[in-house]
Amino acid sequence: MSTEELYWDSSYAIARRLNALHPGADLESVTLNMLYNWVVALPEFKDEPQLVNDELLQAIYQEWYEERNPL
């Protein structure tokens, strides 16, 4: 288990953690609301949930998608 503290700007680290926790998630079906709930539920997540915006969530989603589907 990772002990690195995660914040909204830790998009790559969050994406890697979500990929480990939800390896079978269909990324085409993941909504921003689902992504938000999964991120704030991470024990390592230490940021303020209310600081989120769609741009941050989309950055996390993009990192996760690219982690799962490398070029």
N, C-alpha and C. Protein backbone atom coordinates (compact mmCIF):
# COMPACT_ATOMS: atom_id res chain seq x y z
N MET A 1 0.84 -1.18 0.00
CA MET A 1 0.00 0.00 0.00
C MET A 1 0.88 1.24 0.00
N SER A 2 0.48 2.23 -0.77
CA SER A 2 1.23 3.47 -0.88
C SER A 2 1.06 4.31 0.38
N THR A 3 2.14 4.98 0.78
CA THR A 3 2.06 5.88 1.92
C THR A 3 2.22 7.33 1.49
N GLU A 4 2.35 7.56 0.20
CA GLU A 4 2.47 8.91 -0.34
C GLU A 4 1.15 9.66 -0.16
N GLU A 5 1.23 10.87 0.40
CA GLU A 5 0.02 11.68 0.52
C GLU A 5 -0.36 12.19 -0.86
N LEU A 6 -1.65 12.18 -1.14
CA LEU A 6 -2.16 12.59 -2.45
C LEU A 6 -2.98 13.86 -2.33
N TYR A 7 -2.79 14.73 -3.32
CA TYR A 7 -3.50 16.01 -3.40
C TYR A 7 -4.06 16.14 -4.81
N TRP A 8 -4.97 17.09 -5.01
CA TRP A 8 -5.61 17.21 -6.32
C TRP A 8 -4.60 17.36 -7.45
N ASP A 9 -3.47 17.98 -7.21
CA ASP A 9 -2.49 18.16 -8.28
C ASP A 9 -1.58 16.95 -8.47
N SER A 10 -1.84 15.87 -7.74
CA SER A 10 -1.07 14.62 -7.87
C SER A 10 -1.77 13.69 -8.86
N SER A 11 -2.13 14.21 -10.02
CA SER A 11 -2.99 13.45 -10.94
C SER A 11 -2.40 12.10 -11.34
N TYR A 12 -1.10 12.06 -11.63
CA TYR A 12 -0.50 10.78 -12.04
C TYR A 12 -0.50 9.77 -10.90
N ALA A 13 -0.12 10.20 -9.71
CA ALA A 13 -0.10 9.29 -8.56
C ALA A 13 -1.51 8.81 -8.21
N ILE A 14 -2.48 9.70 -8.30
CA ILE A 14 -3.87 9.31 -8.04
C ILE A 14 -4.32 8.30 -9.08
N ALA A 15 -4.00 8.56 -10.34
CA ALA A 15 -4.39 7.65 -11.42
C ALA A 15 -3.79 6.26 -11.22
N ARG A 16 -2.54 6.20 -10.83
CA ARG A 16 -1.90 4.89 -10.58
C ARG A 16 -2.58 4.17 -9.43
N ARG A 17 -2.92 4.90 -8.39
CA ARG A 17 -3.58 4.30 -7.22
C ARG A 17 -4.97 3.79 -7.60
N LEU A 18 -5.73 4.58 -8.35
CA LEU A 18 -7.05 4.15 -8.79
C LEU A 18 -6.95 2.94 -9.71
N ASN A 19 -5.95 2.92 -10.57
CA ASN A 19 -5.76 1.78 -11.46
C ASN A 19 -5.50 0.51 -10.66
N ALA A 20 -4.75 0.63 -9.58
CA ALA A 20 -4.47 -0.53 -8.73
C ALA A 20 -5.72 -0.99 -7.97
N LEU A 21 -6.53 -0.04 -7.54
CA LEU A 21 -7.72 -0.37 -6.76
C LEU A 21 -8.92 -0.79 -7.61
N HIS A 22 -8.97 -0.30 -8.84
CA HIS A 22 -10.10 -0.57 -9.72
C HIS A 22 -9.60 -1.07 -11.08
N PRO A 23 -8.88 -2.21 -11.08
CA PRO A 23 -8.28 -2.68 -12.34
C PRO A 23 -9.29 -3.06 -13.41
N GLY A 24 -10.48 -3.41 -13.02
CA GLY A 24 -11.49 -3.81 -14.00
C GLY A 24 -12.46 -2.72 -14.38
N ALA A 25 -12.23 -1.51 -13.89
CA ALA A 25 -13.15 -0.40 -14.18
C ALA A 25 -13.17 -0.12 -15.68
N ASP A 26 -14.37 0.02 -16.21
CA ASP A 26 -14.54 0.39 -17.61
C ASP A 26 -14.44 1.91 -17.69
N LEU A 27 -13.30 2.40 -18.13
CA LEU A 27 -13.07 3.84 -18.12
C LEU A 27 -14.05 4.61 -18.99
N GLU A 28 -14.62 3.94 -19.97
CA GLU A 28 -15.63 4.59 -20.81
C GLU A 28 -16.90 4.89 -20.03
N SER A 29 -17.11 4.16 -18.92
CA SER A 29 -18.32 4.33 -18.11
C SER A 29 -18.08 5.15 -16.84
N VAL A 30 -16.85 5.49 -16.57
CA VAL A 30 -16.53 6.24 -15.35
C VAL A 30 -16.93 7.70 -15.53
N THR A 31 -17.80 8.17 -14.65
CA THR A 31 -18.22 9.57 -14.68
C THR A 31 -17.31 10.40 -13.79
N LEU A 32 -17.35 11.71 -13.97
CA LEU A 32 -16.55 12.58 -13.11
C LEU A 32 -17.00 12.46 -11.66
N ASN A 33 -18.29 12.25 -11.43
CA ASN A 33 -18.80 12.07 -10.07
C ASN A 33 -18.24 10.80 -9.45
N MET A 34 -18.21 9.71 -10.21
CA MET A 34 -17.62 8.45 -9.72
C MET A 34 -16.15 8.67 -9.39
N LEU A 35 -15.45 9.32 -10.30
CA LEU A 35 -14.02 9.56 -10.12
C LEU A 35 -13.78 10.38 -8.85
N TYR A 36 -14.57 11.42 -8.67
CA TYR A 36 -14.46 12.25 -7.46
C TYR A 36 -14.63 11.40 -6.20
N ASN A 37 -15.68 10.59 -6.17
CA ASN A 37 -15.95 9.76 -4.99
C ASN A 37 -14.82 8.78 -4.72
N TRP A 38 -14.25 8.19 -5.77
CA TRP A 38 -13.14 7.25 -5.60
C TRP A 38 -11.90 7.97 -5.08
N VAL A 39 -11.64 9.17 -5.59
CA VAL A 39 -10.44 9.90 -5.16
C VAL A 39 -10.55 10.29 -3.69
N VAL A 40 -11.66 10.91 -3.30
CA VAL A 40 -11.75 11.37 -1.91
C VAL A 40 -11.83 10.22 -0.93
N ALA A 41 -12.16 9.01 -1.40
CA ALA A 41 -12.20 7.84 -0.53
C ALA A 41 -10.82 7.21 -0.32
N LEU A 42 -9.84 7.61 -1.12
CA LEU A 42 -8.49 7.06 -0.96
C LEU A 42 -7.94 7.46 0.41
N PRO A 43 -7.44 6.50 1.18
CA PRO A 43 -6.91 6.84 2.51
C PRO A 43 -5.74 7.82 2.44
N GLU A 44 -5.00 7.81 1.33
CA GLU A 44 -3.83 8.68 1.17
C GLU A 44 -4.22 10.10 0.75
N PHE A 45 -5.48 10.29 0.37
CA PHE A 45 -5.91 11.60 -0.13
C PHE A 45 -6.05 12.57 1.03
N LYS A 46 -5.28 13.65 0.99
CA LYS A 46 -5.22 14.59 2.11
C LYS A 46 -5.69 16.00 1.75
N ASP A 47 -6.12 16.22 0.53
CA ASP A 47 -6.51 17.56 0.10
C ASP A 47 -7.95 17.86 0.53
N GLU A 48 -8.36 19.09 0.31
CA GLU A 48 -9.72 19.51 0.63
C GLU A 48 -10.64 19.10 -0.52
N PRO A 49 -11.64 18.26 -0.27
CA PRO A 49 -12.52 17.81 -1.35
C PRO A 49 -13.19 18.95 -2.11
N GLN A 50 -13.51 20.04 -1.44
CA GLN A 50 -14.22 21.14 -2.09
C GLN A 50 -13.35 21.93 -3.07
N LEU A 51 -12.06 21.66 -3.12
CA LEU A 51 -11.17 22.35 -4.06
C LEU A 51 -11.22 21.76 -5.46
N VAL A 52 -11.95 20.69 -5.64
CA VAL A 52 -12.01 20.01 -6.92
C VAL A 52 -12.71 20.87 -7.98
N ASN A 53 -12.33 20.62 -9.22
CA ASN A 53 -13.06 21.18 -10.36
C ASN A 53 -12.96 20.17 -11.50
N ASP A 54 -13.75 20.38 -12.53
CA ASP A 54 -13.77 19.43 -13.64
C ASP A 54 -12.41 19.26 -14.29
N GLU A 55 -11.64 20.34 -14.37
CA GLU A 55 -10.31 20.27 -14.99
C GLU A 55 -9.40 19.31 -14.24
N LEU A 56 -9.42 19.37 -12.91
CA LEU A 56 -8.60 18.45 -12.11
C LEU A 56 -9.04 17.01 -12.31
N LEU A 57 -10.34 16.78 -12.29
CA LEU A 57 -10.84 15.42 -12.48
C LEU A 57 -10.51 14.90 -13.88
N GLN A 58 -10.62 15.76 -14.88
CA GLN A 58 -10.29 15.34 -16.24
C GLN A 58 -8.80 15.02 -16.38
N ALA A 59 -7.95 15.75 -15.67
CA ALA A 59 -6.51 15.46 -15.69
C ALA A 59 -6.23 14.09 -15.08
N ILE A 60 -6.91 13.78 -13.98
CA ILE A 60 -6.75 12.46 -13.34
C ILE A 60 -7.24 11.38 -14.29
N TYR A 61 -8.41 11.60 -14.89
CA TYR A 61 -8.97 10.63 -15.83
C TYR A 61 -8.00 10.40 -17.00
N GLN A 62 -7.46 11.47 -17.55
CA GLN A 62 -6.54 11.33 -18.68
C GLN A 62 -5.30 10.53 -18.30
N GLU A 63 -4.74 10.82 -17.12
CA GLU A 63 -3.57 10.06 -16.65
C GLU A 63 -3.93 8.59 -16.49
N TRP A 64 -5.09 8.30 -15.94
CA TRP A 64 -5.53 6.92 -15.74
C TRP A 64 -5.71 6.23 -17.09
N TYR A 65 -6.35 6.92 -18.02
CA TYR A 65 -6.57 6.35 -19.34
C TYR A 65 -5.23 6.05 -20.02
N GLU A 66 -4.29 6.97 -19.93
CA GLU A 66 -2.98 6.77 -20.56
C GLU A 66 -2.18 5.69 -19.84
N GLU A 67 -2.34 5.57 -18.54
CA GLU A 67 -1.68 4.50 -17.79
C GLU A 67 -2.20 3.14 -18.25
N ARG A 68 -3.48 3.07 -18.49
CA ARG A 68 -4.12 1.82 -18.90
C ARG A 68 -3.89 1.53 -20.38
N ASN A 69 -3.75 2.57 -21.19
CA ASN A 69 -3.62 2.42 -22.65
C ASN A 69 -2.39 3.16 -23.16
N PRO A 70 -1.19 2.65 -22.85
CA PRO A 70 0.02 3.36 -23.31
C PRO A 70 0.11 3.36 -24.83
N LEU A 71 0.77 4.37 -25.35
CA LEU A 71 0.94 4.48 -26.82
C LEU A 71 1.83 3.40 -27.36
